[in-house]
């Protein structure tokens, strides 16, 4: 298992401890859309250049499946004294969460191939869930 794969798994273990509401907050879109879009473009080109496009596509497909499953689980979540009906967030929130997590996984898988600035831009607020050795 590569160091990058371990970083993704460590991130995922921390992610799974979060409530959906907290995930949606961390997935907020970046303030500077143009800078973010340029970063995504550079990182996508680096994945293409290094032959990792299929690896990234498979990882982001796993992210999409996770987000779908997260929101499709039983709509009744038992609480201590009552049922919690449904998950928060709109369809746009869910799509944004999947895109944001896909960028995190991409940044972790390409961590040793992209600049620290690009990595930090893709991680955004999720960086708090990344192991220090993966930074």
N, C-alpha and C. Protein backbone atom coordinates (compact mmCIF):
# COMPACT_ATOMS: atom_id res chain seq x y z
N UNK A 1 0.85 -1.18 0.00
CA UNK A 1 0.00 0.00 0.00
C UNK A 1 0.89 1.24 0.00
N UNK A 2 0.62 2.16 -0.89
CA UNK A 2 1.45 3.36 -0.98
C UNK A 2 1.14 4.33 0.16
N UNK A 3 2.07 5.23 0.38
CA UNK A 3 1.88 6.26 1.41
C UNK A 3 0.64 7.08 1.09
N UNK A 4 0.43 7.38 -0.19
CA UNK A 4 -0.72 8.19 -0.58
C UNK A 4 -2.04 7.46 -0.29
N UNK A 5 -2.06 6.15 -0.53
CA UNK A 5 -3.26 5.37 -0.24
C UNK A 5 -3.52 5.34 1.26
N UNK A 6 -2.47 5.21 2.04
CA UNK A 6 -2.62 5.23 3.50
C UNK A 6 -3.18 6.57 3.97
N UNK A 7 -2.74 7.64 3.34
CA UNK A 7 -3.24 8.98 3.71
C UNK A 7 -4.73 9.09 3.43
N UNK A 8 -5.18 8.53 2.31
CA UNK A 8 -6.61 8.55 1.99
C UNK A 8 -7.38 7.73 3.02
N UNK A 9 -6.88 6.56 3.36
CA UNK A 9 -7.57 5.71 4.34
C UNK A 9 -7.64 6.38 5.71
N UNK A 10 -6.56 7.02 6.12
CA UNK A 10 -6.55 7.71 7.42
C UNK A 10 -7.55 8.87 7.40
N UNK A 11 -7.59 9.60 6.29
CA UNK A 11 -8.57 10.68 6.16
C UNK A 11 -9.98 10.12 6.27
N UNK A 12 -10.23 9.03 5.56
CA UNK A 12 -11.57 8.44 5.52
C UNK A 12 -12.01 7.98 6.91
N UNK A 13 -11.09 7.43 7.68
CA UNK A 13 -11.43 7.00 9.04
C UNK A 13 -11.86 8.19 9.89
N UNK A 14 -11.20 9.30 9.72
CA UNK A 14 -11.59 10.50 10.47
C UNK A 14 -12.91 11.06 9.95
N UNK A 15 -13.07 11.04 8.64
CA UNK A 15 -14.29 11.56 8.02
C UNK A 15 -15.52 10.83 8.53
N UNK A 16 -15.43 9.52 8.62
CA UNK A 16 -16.59 8.72 9.00
C UNK A 16 -17.08 8.99 10.42
N UNK A 17 -16.29 9.68 11.20
CA UNK A 17 -16.70 10.04 12.57
C UNK A 17 -17.50 11.34 12.61
N UNK A 18 -17.54 12.04 11.49
CA UNK A 18 -18.25 13.33 11.45
C UNK A 18 -19.74 13.14 11.18
N UNK A 19 -20.51 14.09 11.68
CA UNK A 19 -21.93 14.14 11.34
C UNK A 19 -22.06 14.77 9.96
N UNK A 20 -23.12 14.44 9.26
CA UNK A 20 -23.35 14.99 7.93
C UNK A 20 -23.37 16.51 7.97
N UNK A 21 -24.00 17.07 8.98
CA UNK A 21 -24.08 18.53 9.10
C UNK A 21 -22.68 19.16 9.11
N UNK A 22 -21.75 18.51 9.80
CA UNK A 22 -20.38 19.02 9.86
C UNK A 22 -19.69 18.88 8.51
N UNK A 23 -19.96 17.78 7.82
CA UNK A 23 -19.36 17.58 6.49
C UNK A 23 -19.82 18.67 5.53
N UNK A 24 -21.10 18.99 5.58
CA UNK A 24 -21.62 20.01 4.66
C UNK A 24 -20.94 21.36 4.90
N UNK A 25 -20.67 21.67 6.15
CA UNK A 25 -19.97 22.92 6.46
C UNK A 25 -18.55 22.93 5.94
N UNK A 26 -17.86 21.81 6.04
CA UNK A 26 -16.48 21.72 5.55
C UNK A 26 -16.41 21.74 4.03
N UNK A 27 -17.50 21.37 3.39
CA UNK A 27 -17.53 21.31 1.93
C UNK A 27 -17.89 22.64 1.28
N UNK A 28 -17.99 23.70 2.09
CA UNK A 28 -18.35 25.01 1.53
C UNK A 28 -17.39 25.36 0.40
N UNK A 29 -17.91 25.98 -0.62
CA UNK A 29 -17.10 26.32 -1.79
C UNK A 29 -16.05 27.36 -1.44
N UNK A 30 -14.94 27.34 -2.15
CA UNK A 30 -13.86 28.30 -1.86
C UNK A 30 -14.28 29.73 -2.16
N UNK A 31 -13.62 30.65 -1.47
CA UNK A 31 -13.93 32.07 -1.66
C UNK A 31 -13.53 32.55 -3.05
N UNK A 32 -12.39 32.09 -3.53
CA UNK A 32 -11.88 32.54 -4.82
C UNK A 32 -12.06 31.43 -5.85
N UNK A 33 -13.20 31.46 -6.52
CA UNK A 33 -13.54 30.41 -7.49
C UNK A 33 -12.52 30.30 -8.62
N UNK A 34 -12.00 31.44 -9.09
CA UNK A 34 -11.05 31.43 -10.21
C UNK A 34 -9.76 30.73 -9.82
N UNK A 35 -9.24 31.04 -8.65
CA UNK A 35 -8.02 30.40 -8.17
C UNK A 35 -8.25 28.90 -8.00
N UNK A 36 -9.39 28.56 -7.44
CA UNK A 36 -9.71 27.15 -7.22
C UNK A 36 -9.82 26.40 -8.54
N UNK A 37 -10.50 26.99 -9.50
CA UNK A 37 -10.66 26.35 -10.81
C UNK A 37 -9.30 26.15 -11.49
N UNK A 38 -8.42 27.13 -11.37
CA UNK A 38 -7.08 27.00 -11.96
C UNK A 38 -6.29 25.88 -11.27
N UNK A 39 -6.46 25.75 -9.96
CA UNK A 39 -5.80 24.67 -9.22
C UNK A 39 -6.32 23.32 -9.69
N UNK A 40 -7.62 23.19 -9.79
CA UNK A 40 -8.21 21.92 -10.25
C UNK A 40 -7.68 21.58 -11.64
N UNK A 41 -7.58 22.57 -12.50
CA UNK A 41 -7.07 22.33 -13.85
C UNK A 41 -5.62 21.85 -13.83
N UNK A 42 -4.77 22.50 -13.03
CA UNK A 42 -3.36 22.08 -12.93
C UNK A 42 -3.23 20.66 -12.39
N UNK A 43 -4.01 20.35 -11.36
CA UNK A 43 -3.93 19.03 -10.74
C UNK A 43 -4.46 17.96 -11.70
N UNK A 44 -5.52 18.28 -12.42
CA UNK A 44 -6.05 17.34 -13.41
C UNK A 44 -5.02 17.06 -14.49
N UNK A 45 -4.32 18.09 -14.92
CA UNK A 45 -3.27 17.92 -15.93
C UNK A 45 -2.13 17.07 -15.37
N UNK A 46 -1.78 17.26 -14.11
CA UNK A 46 -0.71 16.46 -13.49
C UNK A 46 -1.14 14.99 -13.40
N UNK A 47 -2.37 14.73 -13.07
CA UNK A 47 -2.87 13.35 -13.04
C UNK A 47 -2.77 12.73 -14.44
N UNK A 48 -3.13 13.50 -15.44
CA UNK A 48 -3.05 13.02 -16.82
C UNK A 48 -1.60 12.76 -17.21
N UNK A 49 -0.73 13.71 -16.89
CA UNK A 49 0.69 13.61 -17.25
C UNK A 49 1.36 12.40 -16.60
N UNK A 50 0.96 12.08 -15.39
CA UNK A 50 1.60 10.98 -14.66
C UNK A 50 0.86 9.65 -14.80
N UNK A 51 -0.18 9.63 -15.63
CA UNK A 51 -0.90 8.39 -15.87
C UNK A 51 -1.80 7.94 -14.73
N UNK A 52 -2.22 8.88 -13.90
CA UNK A 52 -3.05 8.52 -12.74
C UNK A 52 -4.52 8.91 -12.91
N UNK A 53 -4.91 9.23 -14.12
CA UNK A 53 -6.29 9.65 -14.37
C UNK A 53 -7.28 8.56 -13.96
N UNK A 54 -7.00 7.32 -14.31
CA UNK A 54 -7.92 6.22 -13.96
C UNK A 54 -7.98 6.00 -12.46
N UNK A 55 -6.85 6.13 -11.80
CA UNK A 55 -6.81 5.97 -10.34
C UNK A 55 -7.66 7.05 -9.67
N UNK A 56 -7.50 8.28 -10.13
CA UNK A 56 -8.28 9.39 -9.57
C UNK A 56 -9.76 9.20 -9.88
N UNK A 57 -10.08 8.78 -11.10
CA UNK A 57 -11.49 8.56 -11.47
C UNK A 57 -12.12 7.48 -10.60
N UNK A 58 -11.39 6.41 -10.35
CA UNK A 58 -11.91 5.33 -9.49
C UNK A 58 -12.13 5.83 -8.07
N UNK A 59 -11.19 6.61 -7.57
CA UNK A 59 -11.31 7.14 -6.21
C UNK A 59 -12.49 8.10 -6.09
N UNK A 60 -12.67 8.95 -7.08
CA UNK A 60 -13.80 9.89 -7.01
C UNK A 60 -15.13 9.16 -7.21
N UNK A 61 -15.13 8.07 -7.96
CA UNK A 61 -16.36 7.26 -8.08
C UNK A 61 -16.70 6.65 -6.72
N UNK A 62 -15.68 6.22 -5.98
CA UNK A 62 -15.92 5.71 -4.62
C UNK A 62 -16.48 6.80 -3.71
N UNK A 63 -15.96 8.01 -3.86
CA UNK A 63 -16.47 9.15 -3.08
C UNK A 63 -17.94 9.39 -3.41
N UNK A 64 -18.26 9.40 -4.70
CA UNK A 64 -19.66 9.62 -5.10
C UNK A 64 -20.57 8.55 -4.51
N UNK A 65 -20.13 7.30 -4.56
CA UNK A 65 -20.93 6.20 -4.00
C UNK A 65 -21.11 6.37 -2.49
N UNK A 66 -20.06 6.82 -1.82
CA UNK A 66 -20.14 7.04 -0.37
C UNK A 66 -21.17 8.12 -0.05
N UNK A 67 -21.11 9.23 -0.78
CA UNK A 67 -22.04 10.33 -0.51
C UNK A 67 -23.47 9.89 -0.80
N UNK A 68 -23.68 9.17 -1.89
CA UNK A 68 -25.03 8.67 -2.18
C UNK A 68 -25.52 7.75 -1.06
N UNK A 69 -24.67 6.84 -0.63
CA UNK A 69 -25.05 5.92 0.44
C UNK A 69 -25.31 6.66 1.75
N UNK A 70 -24.50 7.66 2.01
CA UNK A 70 -24.65 8.45 3.24
C UNK A 70 -26.05 9.06 3.32
N UNK A 71 -26.51 9.60 2.22
CA UNK A 71 -27.81 10.26 2.21
C UNK A 71 -28.97 9.31 1.92
N UNK A 72 -28.67 8.13 1.39
CA UNK A 72 -29.74 7.18 1.07
C UNK A 72 -30.01 6.18 2.17
N UNK A 73 -29.17 6.17 3.19
CA UNK A 73 -29.44 5.27 4.31
C UNK A 73 -30.81 5.60 4.88
N UNK A 74 -31.26 4.75 5.71
CA UNK A 74 -32.58 4.94 6.31
C UNK A 74 -32.83 6.41 6.62
N UNK A 75 -34.00 6.88 6.25
CA UNK A 75 -34.32 8.28 6.51
C UNK A 75 -34.69 8.51 7.96
N UNK A 76 -34.88 7.46 8.70
CA UNK A 76 -35.17 7.59 10.13
C UNK A 76 -33.93 7.15 10.90
N UNK A 77 -33.29 8.10 11.54
CA UNK A 77 -32.12 7.83 12.35
C UNK A 77 -32.54 7.86 13.81
N UNK A 78 -32.49 6.74 14.49
CA UNK A 78 -32.94 6.74 15.89
C UNK A 78 -32.07 7.62 16.77
N UNK A 79 -32.71 8.34 17.65
CA UNK A 79 -32.02 9.16 18.64
C UNK A 79 -32.26 8.56 20.01
N UNK A 80 -31.82 9.25 21.03
CA UNK A 80 -32.01 8.74 22.38
C UNK A 80 -33.48 8.72 22.76
N UNK A 81 -34.18 9.77 22.43
CA UNK A 81 -35.57 9.86 22.85
C UNK A 81 -36.55 10.00 21.69
N UNK A 82 -36.04 10.21 20.51
CA UNK A 82 -36.93 10.42 19.37
C UNK A 82 -36.23 9.99 18.09
N UNK A 83 -36.99 9.96 17.02
CA UNK A 83 -36.41 9.67 15.71
C UNK A 83 -35.93 10.97 15.08
N UNK A 84 -34.88 10.89 14.33
CA UNK A 84 -34.36 12.02 13.58
C UNK A 84 -34.76 11.79 12.13
N UNK A 85 -35.70 12.55 11.64
CA UNK A 85 -36.26 12.31 10.31
C UNK A 85 -35.41 12.95 9.23
N UNK A 86 -34.68 12.13 8.53
CA UNK A 86 -33.99 12.59 7.33
C UNK A 86 -32.64 13.22 7.58
N UNK A 87 -31.96 13.43 6.49
CA UNK A 87 -30.64 14.05 6.50
C UNK A 87 -30.76 15.49 6.02
N UNK A 88 -29.91 16.35 6.50
CA UNK A 88 -29.97 17.75 6.07
C UNK A 88 -29.38 17.91 4.67
N UNK A 89 -29.64 19.06 4.11
CA UNK A 89 -28.98 19.41 2.86
C UNK A 89 -29.82 19.19 1.62
N UNK A 90 -29.54 20.03 0.65
CA UNK A 90 -30.21 19.96 -0.64
C UNK A 90 -29.43 19.06 -1.58
N UNK A 91 -29.97 18.83 -2.75
CA UNK A 91 -29.24 18.06 -3.76
C UNK A 91 -27.94 18.78 -4.11
N UNK A 92 -28.00 20.09 -4.19
CA UNK A 92 -26.79 20.87 -4.47
C UNK A 92 -25.74 20.68 -3.37
N UNK A 93 -26.18 20.65 -2.11
CA UNK A 93 -25.26 20.41 -1.00
C UNK A 93 -24.59 19.05 -1.14
N UNK A 94 -25.36 18.06 -1.53
CA UNK A 94 -24.83 16.70 -1.68
C UNK A 94 -23.82 16.63 -2.82
N UNK A 95 -24.14 17.27 -3.93
CA UNK A 95 -23.21 17.30 -5.07
C UNK A 95 -21.94 18.04 -4.70
N UNK A 96 -22.09 19.13 -3.96
CA UNK A 96 -20.94 19.91 -3.52
C UNK A 96 -20.07 19.09 -2.57
N UNK A 97 -20.69 18.33 -1.68
CA UNK A 97 -19.95 17.46 -0.76
C UNK A 97 -19.15 16.43 -1.54
N UNK A 98 -19.77 15.80 -2.52
CA UNK A 98 -19.07 14.80 -3.33
C UNK A 98 -17.90 15.44 -4.08
N UNK A 99 -18.11 16.61 -4.66
CA UNK A 99 -17.03 17.28 -5.39
C UNK A 99 -15.89 17.66 -4.45
N UNK A 100 -16.22 18.19 -3.29
CA UNK A 100 -15.21 18.61 -2.33
C UNK A 100 -14.40 17.41 -1.83
N UNK A 101 -15.08 16.32 -1.48
CA UNK A 101 -14.36 15.13 -1.02
C UNK A 101 -13.53 14.52 -2.15
N UNK A 102 -14.03 14.60 -3.37
CA UNK A 102 -13.25 14.13 -4.52
C UNK A 102 -11.95 14.91 -4.67
N UNK A 103 -12.02 16.20 -4.43
CA UNK A 103 -10.81 17.03 -4.50
C UNK A 103 -9.83 16.68 -3.39
N UNK A 104 -10.35 16.37 -2.21
CA UNK A 104 -9.48 15.97 -1.09
C UNK A 104 -8.74 14.68 -1.44
N UNK A 105 -9.48 13.70 -1.91
CA UNK A 105 -8.88 12.41 -2.27
C UNK A 105 -7.85 12.61 -3.38
N UNK A 106 -8.17 13.44 -4.35
CA UNK A 106 -7.23 13.73 -5.43
C UNK A 106 -5.96 14.36 -4.88
N UNK A 107 -6.12 15.34 -3.99
CA UNK A 107 -4.95 16.01 -3.40
C UNK A 107 -4.09 15.02 -2.63
N UNK A 108 -4.71 14.11 -1.91
CA UNK A 108 -3.94 13.14 -1.13
C UNK A 108 -3.24 12.12 -2.03
N UNK A 109 -3.92 11.68 -3.07
CA UNK A 109 -3.31 10.70 -3.97
C UNK A 109 -2.16 11.30 -4.78
N UNK A 110 -2.24 12.59 -5.06
CA UNK A 110 -1.20 13.25 -5.85
C UNK A 110 -0.28 14.12 -5.00
N UNK A 111 -0.32 13.94 -3.70
CA UNK A 111 0.39 14.84 -2.78
C UNK A 111 1.86 15.02 -3.11
N UNK A 112 2.53 13.96 -3.54
CA UNK A 112 3.96 14.08 -3.83
C UNK A 112 4.23 14.54 -5.27
N UNK A 113 3.17 14.85 -6.01
CA UNK A 113 3.33 15.27 -7.41
C UNK A 113 2.82 16.68 -7.69
N UNK A 114 2.17 17.28 -6.70
CA UNK A 114 1.63 18.63 -6.90
C UNK A 114 2.25 19.57 -5.86
N UNK A 115 2.14 20.86 -6.13
CA UNK A 115 2.72 21.84 -5.21
C UNK A 115 1.94 21.84 -3.89
N UNK A 116 2.61 22.28 -2.86
CA UNK A 116 1.96 22.39 -1.55
C UNK A 116 0.79 23.36 -1.60
N UNK A 117 0.94 24.43 -2.37
CA UNK A 117 -0.14 25.41 -2.49
C UNK A 117 -1.37 24.79 -3.16
N UNK A 118 -1.15 24.00 -4.22
CA UNK A 118 -2.28 23.35 -4.89
C UNK A 118 -2.92 22.32 -3.96
N UNK A 119 -2.10 21.59 -3.24
CA UNK A 119 -2.61 20.60 -2.30
C UNK A 119 -3.47 21.29 -1.23
N UNK A 120 -2.96 22.38 -0.67
CA UNK A 120 -3.70 23.10 0.36
C UNK A 120 -5.01 23.67 -0.17
N UNK A 121 -4.99 24.14 -1.41
CA UNK A 121 -6.21 24.69 -2.02
C UNK A 121 -7.27 23.60 -2.16
N UNK A 122 -6.87 22.40 -2.59
CA UNK A 122 -7.84 21.32 -2.75
C UNK A 122 -8.32 20.78 -1.40
N UNK A 123 -7.44 20.74 -0.43
CA UNK A 123 -7.85 20.25 0.89
C UNK A 123 -8.80 21.22 1.58
N UNK A 124 -8.52 22.50 1.44
CA UNK A 124 -9.37 23.50 2.09
C UNK A 124 -9.56 23.19 3.56
N UNK A 125 -10.77 23.35 4.08
CA UNK A 125 -11.01 23.13 5.51
C UNK A 125 -10.91 21.66 5.93
N UNK A 126 -10.87 20.75 4.96
CA UNK A 126 -10.73 19.33 5.29
C UNK A 126 -9.34 19.02 5.83
N UNK A 127 -8.40 19.94 5.68
CA UNK A 127 -7.02 19.69 6.10
C UNK A 127 -6.94 19.27 7.57
N UNK A 128 -7.90 19.71 8.36
CA UNK A 128 -7.88 19.35 9.78
C UNK A 128 -8.07 17.84 10.00
N UNK A 129 -8.55 17.14 8.98
CA UNK A 129 -8.75 15.69 9.08
C UNK A 129 -7.60 14.89 8.48
N UNK A 130 -6.61 15.58 7.94
CA UNK A 130 -5.48 14.92 7.29
C UNK A 130 -4.38 14.70 8.32
N UNK A 131 -3.81 13.50 8.31
CA UNK A 131 -2.72 13.20 9.24
C UNK A 131 -1.55 14.15 9.00
N UNK A 132 -0.89 14.58 10.06
CA UNK A 132 0.26 15.48 9.89
C UNK A 132 1.34 14.92 8.97
N UNK A 133 1.53 13.61 8.96
CA UNK A 133 2.55 13.02 8.10
C UNK A 133 2.16 13.07 6.63
N UNK A 134 0.88 13.33 6.34
CA UNK A 134 0.40 13.41 4.96
C UNK A 134 0.45 14.83 4.43
N UNK A 135 0.79 15.78 5.28
CA UNK A 135 0.78 17.19 4.88
C UNK A 135 2.06 17.59 4.23
